[in-house]
Amino acid sequence: MAGKKLIEWRKKLAKLLHYYSDYWRCDAMTPEKREKSRWVTGVEKKGFLFSSLAKAYEGYQFYLPAFLDFRGRIYRCGVLHFHERYLARSLVLFAEEKSKYLDNKEISNIYAATGFLYKSFVSEDKAIQFINHLSSNTNPMDFLKVAYKEKRSFQFLTNILSNKIDLANYPLTQDASTSAYQIMSYFLLDGSMAMRTNLIPHPSGEIQDVYSYMLKDLQEYIKAELGDSNLSQTVNVKLTRKIAKGIFMPIIYGKTLMSTACDLKNSLSSVITSKECFMVASICFKFRKAKYPHMECLIRLIRHIGWIALASGRPVYYKAYNFTTIQNYTKMEPIKIWVYDKKNKKRRRITLRVSSDKKDTRKTETSTFVNFIHQRDAHIAMAVVNTILRVDGPI
């Protein structure tokens, strides 16, 4: 990381905040501006912390350590890391001895990725057009007016404010497109789900969103189950893509009916009762089994394989090209020990939970499919990196 560049970006952010503060003093405080004002206040507080950290690291280069868990997933290690909040991520730069000039294709790829930090687009070309239009306007006020309501404000601002020479030093982070559903569609040879998750191109050439499809199908299913009742109409009006994703993404990883009902209560408690939330959650689980029975069968099949391995007294092995994962869950047993409290000058008894020799059947059965998906996901990421390295790509 180049500390000097961090300080330069900090100065740009401070300048933008100065322009924004003048904007509030000149005009009346409307509800919309009050919301923006809270955003700016948060920026100022966090910006002071991270800008001080950037100043401390000025002139130094250091590594961001990470480690792999037993499934092959990457986790951060230490205080400053790339899994931090978006403001900290926006201050992370790759250290380069010399500035690298990018060709037009590389700049377009970075612009496309930057556009998706703002919102979702139907194609990369639309994202590039949006960034080109925004970059042609040099008024700092317009940047902040756009940035305060975007998905990843600080990373988006970082790329917009950088010049083309330093653009290669800014890391870009993007999630996979519903990778769990992609992997299941691959194993099940489900072409429809593969297109909805962008595993294979859609005939229209546009980027698809599987949760938007699920939301639409769920609304039709709720209407069929509940008819034209007030509950059906209220829920269908209030259901959003975000709520649908919060239901159907964690279900793959073993989310229960009661937990889903609690989430619906947090989102819809102002319009429906707790009992009705549980009813809607039950309909969501019923919809998933009716709409995607083949996926439910695949999940249960892999879970049962893990249970059979455990019943045979063996751990569960997951083999990939790069590594092998061994799953061997055991039960945690409580052990009581005595410690001496120096502050209060008396003994206290505390309970610790330590591993035993007994196999944890329940955790093995529920975790087998989850770990299977995570290992496949990690294997795909490793294969992509190896491919880029073979073609001498910028990684």
Protein backbone atom coordinates (compact mmCIF):
# COMPACT_ATOMS: atom_id res chain seq x y z
CA MET A 1 0.00 0.00 0.00
CA ALA A 2 1.29 3.42 -0.85
CA GLY A 3 0.72 5.74 2.11
CA LYS A 4 1.26 8.86 0.05
CA LYS A 5 -1.65 8.01 -2.22
CA LEU A 6 -3.85 7.44 0.82
CA ILE A 7 -3.15 10.97 1.99
CA GLU A 8 -3.91 12.36 -1.47
CA TRP A 9 -7.29 10.62 -1.49
CA ARG A 10 -7.96 11.86 2.06
CA LYS A 11 -7.44 15.44 0.85
CA LYS A 12 -9.88 14.87 -2.01
CA LEU A 13 -12.49 13.54 0.40
CA ALA A 14 -11.99 16.49 2.76
CA LYS A 15 -12.45 18.89 -0.16
CA LEU A 16 -15.69 17.22 -1.18
CA LEU A 17 -16.99 17.34 2.39
CA HIS A 18 -16.14 21.05 2.52
CA TYR A 19 -18.24 21.68 -0.59
CA TYR A 20 -21.06 19.60 0.86
CA SER A 21 -21.01 21.49 4.20
CA ASP A 22 -21.36 24.82 2.35
CA TYR A 23 -24.35 23.34 0.53
CA TRP A 24 -26.19 22.73 3.81
CA ARG A 25 -25.54 26.24 5.12
CA CYS A 26 -26.90 27.87 1.97
CA ASP A 27 -30.24 26.07 1.77
CA ALA A 28 -33.07 25.04 4.05
CA MET A 29 -32.78 21.64 5.75
CA THR A 30 -35.33 19.39 4.02
CA PRO A 31 -35.91 15.74 5.09
CA GLU A 32 -33.83 14.56 2.14
CA LYS A 33 -30.97 16.86 3.09
CA ARG A 34 -31.23 15.76 6.71
CA GLU A 35 -30.65 12.18 5.59
CA LYS A 36 -27.63 13.27 3.54
CA SER A 37 -26.39 15.28 6.49
CA ARG A 38 -26.32 12.20 8.69
CA TRP A 39 -24.36 10.41 5.97
CA VAL A 40 -21.81 13.25 5.80
CA THR A 41 -21.44 13.31 9.59
CA GLY A 42 -20.67 9.60 9.54
CA VAL A 43 -18.13 10.16 6.79
CA GLU A 44 -16.40 12.87 8.81
CA LYS A 45 -16.13 10.70 11.93
CA LYS A 46 -14.90 7.60 10.12
CA GLY A 47 -12.78 9.67 7.76
CA PHE A 48 -10.86 11.18 10.65
CA LEU A 49 -10.04 7.72 12.04
CA PHE A 50 -8.93 6.20 8.76
CA SER A 51 -7.14 9.29 7.52
CA SER A 52 -5.11 9.25 10.74
CA LEU A 53 -4.33 5.61 10.06
CA ALA A 54 -3.32 6.48 6.49
CA LYS A 55 -1.00 9.20 7.77
CA ALA A 56 0.65 6.76 10.19
CA TYR A 57 1.39 4.38 7.30
CA GLU A 58 2.65 7.10 4.95
CA GLY A 59 5.83 5.99 3.16
CA TYR A 60 5.47 2.34 4.18
CA GLN A 61 4.50 -0.75 2.24
CA PHE A 62 3.03 -3.75 4.03
CA TYR A 63 1.14 -6.97 3.42
CA LEU A 64 -2.46 -7.77 4.25
CA PRO A 65 -2.20 -11.30 5.74
CA ALA A 66 -4.97 -13.83 5.22
CA PHE A 67 -5.48 -17.54 5.77
CA LEU A 68 -7.57 -20.37 4.33
CA ASP A 69 -10.04 -22.29 6.46
CA PHE A 70 -10.56 -26.05 6.04
CA ARG A 71 -13.01 -25.43 3.16
CA GLY A 72 -10.56 -23.24 1.22
CA ARG A 73 -12.33 -19.92 1.90
CA ILE A 74 -10.16 -16.86 2.47
CA TYR A 75 -10.42 -15.04 5.79
CA ARG A 76 -8.63 -11.91 6.94
CA CYS A 77 -6.04 -11.84 9.68
CA GLY A 78 -5.17 -8.74 11.71
CA VAL A 79 -6.74 -5.36 12.35
CA LEU A 80 -6.39 -3.72 8.91
CA HIS A 81 -7.75 -6.02 6.22
CA PHE A 82 -9.68 -6.17 2.96
CA HIS A 83 -12.86 -7.44 4.66
CA GLU A 84 -13.21 -4.15 6.52
CA ARG A 85 -16.01 -1.64 6.05
CA TYR A 86 -16.28 0.18 2.75
CA LEU A 87 -14.44 3.31 3.91
CA ALA A 88 -11.40 1.27 4.95
CA ARG A 89 -11.52 -0.71 1.70
CA SER A 90 -11.55 2.49 -0.30
CA LEU A 91 -8.23 3.53 1.28
CA VAL A 92 -6.45 0.28 0.38
CA LEU A 93 -4.12 0.61 -2.60
CA PHE A 94 -1.81 -1.88 -4.26
CA ALA A 95 1.81 -0.76 -3.95
CA GLU A 96 3.43 -0.20 -7.36
CA GLU A 97 6.96 1.06 -7.90
CA LYS A 98 5.92 2.69 -11.16
CA SER A 99 2.59 3.95 -12.35
CA LYS A 100 1.00 1.75 -14.96
CA TYR A 101 -0.71 3.17 -18.03
CA LEU A 102 -3.82 1.21 -18.92
CA ASP A 103 -5.15 0.66 -22.41
CA ASN A 104 -8.74 1.48 -23.33
CA LYS A 105 -9.97 -2.07 -22.81
CA GLU A 106 -8.54 -2.26 -19.29
CA ILE A 107 -10.02 1.13 -18.41
CA SER A 108 -13.43 0.03 -19.73
CA ASN A 109 -13.30 -3.12 -17.57
CA ILE A 110 -12.50 -1.06 -14.47
CA TYR A 111 -15.22 1.45 -15.32
CA ALA A 112 -17.73 -1.39 -15.68
CA ALA A 113 -16.77 -2.80 -12.28
CA THR A 114 -16.98 0.71 -10.79
CA GLY A 115 -20.48 1.17 -12.16
CA PHE A 116 -21.68 -1.94 -10.36
CA LEU A 117 -20.44 -0.43 -7.10
CA TYR A 118 -23.21 2.15 -7.58
CA LYS A 119 -26.11 -0.08 -8.60
CA SER A 120 -26.98 -3.10 -10.72
CA PHE A 121 -27.05 -2.71 -14.51
CA VAL A 122 -28.49 -4.98 -17.19
CA SER A 123 -25.15 -5.05 -19.04
CA GLU A 124 -21.54 -3.96 -18.73
CA ASP A 125 -22.04 -1.44 -21.55
CA LYS A 126 -24.74 0.34 -19.52
CA ALA A 127 -22.39 0.54 -16.54
CA ILE A 128 -19.59 1.98 -18.69
CA GLN A 129 -21.95 4.56 -20.22
CA PHE A 130 -23.04 5.65 -16.75
CA ILE A 131 -19.45 6.09 -15.54
CA ASN A 132 -18.40 7.97 -18.70
CA HIS A 133 -21.36 10.33 -18.31
CA LEU A 134 -20.58 10.91 -14.64
CA SER A 135 -16.84 11.39 -15.24
CA SER A 136 -17.51 14.10 -17.83
CA ASN A 137 -18.92 16.29 -15.04
CA THR A 138 -16.17 17.71 -12.83
CA ASN A 139 -18.39 19.40 -10.23
CA PRO A 140 -17.56 17.77 -6.86
CA MET A 141 -21.08 18.45 -5.60
CA ASP A 142 -22.56 16.12 -8.21
CA PHE A 143 -20.33 13.26 -7.09
CA LEU A 144 -21.58 13.45 -3.52
CA LYS A 145 -25.21 13.88 -4.55
CA VAL A 146 -24.91 10.58 -6.42
CA ALA A 147 -22.65 8.80 -3.93
CA TYR A 148 -24.65 9.17 -0.73
CA LYS A 149 -27.38 6.77 -1.89
CA GLU A 150 -25.31 4.14 -3.68
CA LYS A 151 -24.44 0.62 -2.53
CA ARG A 152 -20.72 1.10 -1.88
CA SER A 153 -20.25 4.84 -1.55
CA PHE A 154 -16.58 5.14 -0.65
CA GLN A 155 -15.18 2.60 -3.10
CA PHE A 156 -17.27 4.21 -5.82
CA LEU A 157 -15.94 7.70 -4.97
CA THR A 158 -12.36 6.41 -4.87
CA ASN A 159 -12.51 5.11 -8.43
CA ILE A 160 -14.38 8.14 -9.76
CA LEU A 161 -11.87 10.60 -8.27
CA SER A 162 -8.75 8.68 -9.29
CA ASN A 163 -6.89 9.42 -12.49
CA LYS A 164 -6.28 6.82 -15.19
CA ILE A 165 -2.62 6.36 -14.21
CA ASP A 166 -3.34 5.31 -10.64
CA LEU A 167 -6.53 3.42 -11.45
CA ALA A 168 -4.69 0.09 -11.66
CA ASN A 169 -3.67 0.41 -7.99
CA TYR A 170 -7.24 0.49 -6.69
CA PRO A 171 -8.55 -2.98 -5.77
CA LEU A 172 -12.08 -3.86 -6.88
CA THR A 173 -14.22 -6.31 -4.96
CA GLN A 174 -17.36 -7.92 -6.34
CA ASP A 175 -19.48 -10.84 -5.18
CA ALA A 176 -20.24 -13.84 -7.32
CA SER A 177 -23.67 -14.00 -8.92
CA THR A 178 -25.56 -16.28 -6.49
CA SER A 179 -22.79 -18.87 -6.66
CA ALA A 180 -24.69 -21.48 -4.58
CA TYR A 181 -27.56 -21.57 -7.08
CA GLN A 182 -25.05 -21.54 -9.94
CA ILE A 183 -23.29 -24.62 -8.55
CA MET A 184 -26.59 -26.45 -7.99
CA SER A 185 -27.80 -25.63 -11.51
CA TYR A 186 -24.53 -27.08 -12.84
CA PHE A 187 -24.88 -30.38 -10.97
CA LEU A 188 -28.58 -30.64 -11.84
CA LEU A 189 -28.09 -29.60 -15.49
CA ASP A 190 -30.83 -27.00 -14.98
CA GLY A 191 -30.53 -24.66 -17.96
CA SER A 192 -33.24 -22.27 -16.80
CA MET A 193 -31.61 -21.68 -13.40
CA ALA A 194 -28.18 -21.48 -15.05
CA MET A 195 -29.39 -18.57 -17.20
CA ARG A 196 -31.12 -16.86 -14.28
CA THR A 197 -27.87 -16.99 -12.28
CA ASN A 198 -25.75 -15.90 -15.29
CA LEU A 199 -23.84 -19.19 -15.39
CA ILE A 200 -24.68 -19.27 -19.09
CA PRO A 201 -25.63 -16.20 -21.17
CA HIS A 202 -29.26 -15.23 -21.48
CA PRO A 203 -30.60 -14.96 -25.08
CA SER A 204 -31.29 -11.24 -24.49
CA GLY A 205 -27.65 -10.64 -23.61
CA GLU A 206 -28.68 -8.91 -20.39
CA ILE A 207 -27.51 -9.73 -16.86
CA GLN A 208 -30.21 -11.66 -15.02
CA ASP A 209 -31.22 -11.51 -11.36
CA VAL A 210 -32.45 -14.80 -9.91
CA TYR A 211 -33.98 -13.16 -6.83
CA SER A 212 -36.18 -10.93 -8.97
CA TYR A 213 -37.51 -14.05 -10.68
CA MET A 214 -38.07 -15.70 -7.29
CA LEU A 215 -39.87 -12.61 -5.99
CA LYS A 216 -42.27 -12.59 -8.93
CA ASP A 217 -42.96 -16.34 -8.68
CA LEU A 218 -43.40 -16.09 -4.90
CA GLN A 219 -45.95 -13.29 -5.23
CA GLU A 220 -47.98 -15.39 -7.67
CA TYR A 221 -47.72 -18.41 -5.36
CA ILE A 222 -48.88 -16.40 -2.32
CA LYS A 223 -51.85 -15.11 -4.31
CA ALA A 224 -52.73 -18.67 -5.32
CA GLU A 225 -52.45 -19.91 -1.73
CA LEU A 226 -54.24 -17.05 0.03
CA GLY A 227 -56.51 -15.86 -2.76
CA ASP A 228 -57.48 -12.18 -2.83
CA SER A 229 -57.41 -11.82 0.95
CA ASN A 230 -56.10 -8.73 2.69
CA LEU A 231 -53.02 -10.67 3.86
CA SER A 232 -52.18 -11.71 0.30
CA GLN A 233 -52.50 -8.18 -1.05
CA THR A 234 -50.58 -6.61 1.85
CA VAL A 235 -47.67 -9.06 1.69
CA ASN A 236 -47.35 -8.87 -2.09
CA VAL A 237 -47.20 -5.08 -1.95
CA LYS A 238 -44.58 -5.04 0.80
CA LEU A 239 -42.39 -7.87 -0.50
CA THR A 240 -39.16 -6.63 -2.10
CA ARG A 241 -36.18 -8.23 -3.76
CA LYS A 242 -34.14 -7.67 -0.59
CA ILE A 243 -36.69 -9.58 1.51
CA ALA A 244 -36.85 -12.39 -1.07
CA LYS A 245 -33.06 -12.70 -1.06
CA GLY A 246 -33.04 -12.75 2.75
CA ILE A 247 -35.41 -15.72 2.60
CA PHE A 248 -34.08 -17.90 -0.21
CA MET A 249 -30.32 -17.40 0.07
CA PRO A 250 -29.94 -18.58 3.72
CA ILE A 251 -32.37 -21.48 3.23
CA ILE A 252 -29.66 -23.24 1.21
CA TYR A 253 -27.38 -23.07 4.23
CA GLY A 254 -29.93 -24.53 6.62
CA LYS A 255 -32.00 -21.56 7.75
CA THR A 256 -35.04 -22.72 9.72
CA LEU A 257 -38.70 -21.83 9.39
CA MET A 258 -38.76 -20.05 12.75
CA SER A 259 -35.69 -17.95 11.88
CA THR A 260 -37.30 -16.96 8.58
CA ALA A 261 -40.48 -15.97 10.38
CA CYS A 262 -38.48 -13.76 12.74
CA ASP A 263 -36.83 -12.02 9.78
CA LEU A 264 -40.21 -11.42 8.17
CA LYS A 265 -41.44 -10.01 11.47
CA ASN A 266 -38.58 -7.50 11.46
CA SER A 267 -39.43 -6.41 7.92
CA LEU A 268 -43.25 -6.59 7.93
CA SER A 269 -44.26 -6.17 11.58
CA SER A 270 -45.83 -2.79 10.80
CA VAL A 271 -48.43 -4.34 8.47
CA ILE A 272 -48.95 -7.97 9.61
CA THR A 273 -48.95 -9.84 12.93
CA SER A 274 -46.41 -12.35 14.24
CA LYS A 275 -48.79 -15.22 13.51
CA GLU A 276 -49.21 -14.02 9.94
CA CYS A 277 -45.42 -13.73 9.57
CA PHE A 278 -45.11 -17.40 10.51
CA MET A 279 -47.85 -18.25 8.00
CA VAL A 280 -46.04 -16.35 5.22
CA ALA A 281 -42.74 -18.05 6.13
CA SER A 282 -44.45 -21.44 5.88
CA ILE A 283 -45.76 -20.52 2.43
CA CYS A 284 -42.21 -19.49 1.37
CA PHE A 285 -40.83 -22.89 2.40
CA LYS A 286 -43.74 -24.64 0.68
CA PHE A 287 -43.13 -22.56 -2.46
CA ARG A 288 -39.46 -23.51 -2.55
CA LYS A 289 -40.21 -27.23 -2.31
CA ALA A 290 -42.90 -26.99 -4.98
CA LYS A 291 -40.95 -24.76 -7.37
CA TYR A 292 -37.47 -26.26 -6.93
CA PRO A 293 -37.95 -29.90 -5.81
CA HIS A 294 -34.80 -31.06 -7.63
CA MET A 295 -32.66 -28.66 -5.59
CA GLU A 296 -34.22 -29.90 -2.36
CA CYS A 297 -33.40 -33.47 -3.40
CA LEU A 298 -29.77 -32.55 -4.12
CA ILE A 299 -29.40 -30.89 -0.71
CA ARG A 300 -30.89 -33.88 1.09
CA LEU A 301 -28.76 -36.33 -0.92
CA ILE A 302 -25.49 -34.65 0.05
CA ARG A 303 -26.62 -34.31 3.66
CA HIS A 304 -27.43 -38.02 3.80
CA ILE A 305 -24.00 -38.89 2.38
CA GLY A 306 -22.44 -37.01 5.28
CA TRP A 307 -24.70 -38.80 7.76
CA ILE A 308 -23.80 -42.23 6.30
CA ALA A 309 -20.08 -41.44 6.55
CA LEU A 310 -20.52 -40.40 10.17
CA ALA A 311 -22.61 -43.50 11.00
CA SER A 312 -19.76 -45.61 9.60
CA GLY A 313 -17.37 -43.95 12.05
CA ARG A 314 -15.49 -42.03 9.35
CA PRO A 315 -15.02 -38.31 8.73
CA VAL A 316 -16.50 -36.66 5.64
CA TYR A 317 -13.98 -36.07 2.84
CA TYR A 318 -14.45 -33.36 0.19
CA LYS A 319 -11.95 -33.72 -2.62
CA ALA A 320 -11.13 -30.98 -5.11
CA TYR A 321 -8.30 -30.56 -7.60
CA ASN A 322 -6.25 -28.27 -5.37
CA PHE A 323 -6.96 -29.62 -1.90
CA THR A 324 -8.99 -32.02 0.24
CA THR A 325 -11.28 -30.97 3.07
CA ILE A 326 -11.87 -33.26 6.06
CA GLN A 327 -14.99 -32.67 8.15
CA ASN A 328 -15.09 -34.33 11.56
CA TYR A 329 -17.41 -32.51 13.97
CA THR A 330 -17.47 -33.61 17.60
CA LYS A 331 -19.75 -32.57 20.45
CA MET A 332 -18.72 -29.86 22.86
CA GLU A 333 -18.97 -30.81 26.51
CA PRO A 334 -19.08 -28.39 29.45
CA ILE A 335 -16.25 -28.44 31.97
CA LYS A 336 -16.38 -26.43 35.18
CA ILE A 337 -13.17 -24.95 36.56
CA TRP A 338 -12.30 -22.61 39.43
CA VAL A 339 -10.42 -19.34 38.89
CA TYR A 340 -9.28 -16.69 41.32
CA ASP A 341 -10.67 -13.16 40.85
CA LYS A 342 -7.86 -10.82 41.91
CA LYS A 343 -10.05 -7.73 41.74
CA ASN A 344 -12.75 -9.02 44.09
CA LYS A 345 -10.34 -11.41 45.90
CA LYS A 346 -12.47 -14.50 45.71
CA ARG A 347 -12.82 -17.72 43.75
CA ARG A 348 -15.25 -18.04 40.86
CA ARG A 349 -16.45 -21.07 39.02
CA ILE A 350 -16.68 -20.76 35.22
CA THR A 351 -17.81 -23.17 32.54
CA LEU A 352 -15.75 -23.97 29.46
CA ARG A 353 -16.86 -25.98 26.47
CA VAL A 354 -14.25 -28.35 25.04
CA SER A 355 -14.28 -30.94 22.27
CA SER A 356 -15.09 -34.53 23.16
CA ASP A 357 -14.68 -37.85 21.36
CA LYS A 358 -18.41 -38.10 20.62
CA LYS A 359 -19.47 -37.39 17.03
CA ASP A 360 -21.93 -34.55 16.47
CA THR A 361 -24.51 -36.18 14.20
CA ARG A 362 -26.82 -33.18 13.91
CA LYS A 363 -24.11 -30.67 12.99
CA THR A 364 -22.56 -33.09 10.51
CA GLU A 365 -25.86 -33.60 8.69
CA THR A 366 -26.75 -29.89 8.53
CA SER A 367 -23.22 -28.72 7.62
CA THR A 368 -22.29 -31.25 4.94
CA PHE A 369 -24.07 -29.49 2.07
CA VAL A 370 -22.98 -26.05 3.29
CA ASN A 371 -19.32 -27.08 3.37
CA PHE A 372 -19.71 -28.80 0.00
CA ILE A 373 -20.92 -25.54 -1.60
CA HIS A 374 -18.23 -23.46 0.13
CA GLN A 375 -15.47 -25.79 -1.03
CA ARG A 376 -16.78 -25.80 -4.62
CA ASP A 377 -16.91 -22.01 -4.49
CA ALA A 378 -13.33 -21.78 -3.21
CA HIS A 379 -12.14 -24.26 -5.83
CA ILE A 380 -13.71 -22.17 -8.61
CA ALA A 381 -12.00 -19.03 -7.28
CA MET A 382 -8.64 -20.81 -7.20
CA ALA A 383 -9.16 -22.09 -10.75
CA VAL A 384 -9.89 -18.55 -11.96
CA VAL A 385 -6.71 -17.23 -10.33
CA ASN A 386 -4.65 -20.06 -11.85
CA THR A 387 -6.10 -19.30 -15.29
CA ILE A 388 -5.22 -15.61 -14.99
CA LEU A 389 -1.69 -16.51 -13.89
CA ARG A 390 -1.24 -18.85 -16.89
CA VAL A 391 -2.07 -16.06 -19.33
CA ASP A 392 0.12 -13.59 -17.43
CA GLY A 393 -2.87 -11.48 -16.40
CA PRO A 394 -2.76 -8.50 -14.00
CA ILE A 395 -3.12 -10.31 -10.68
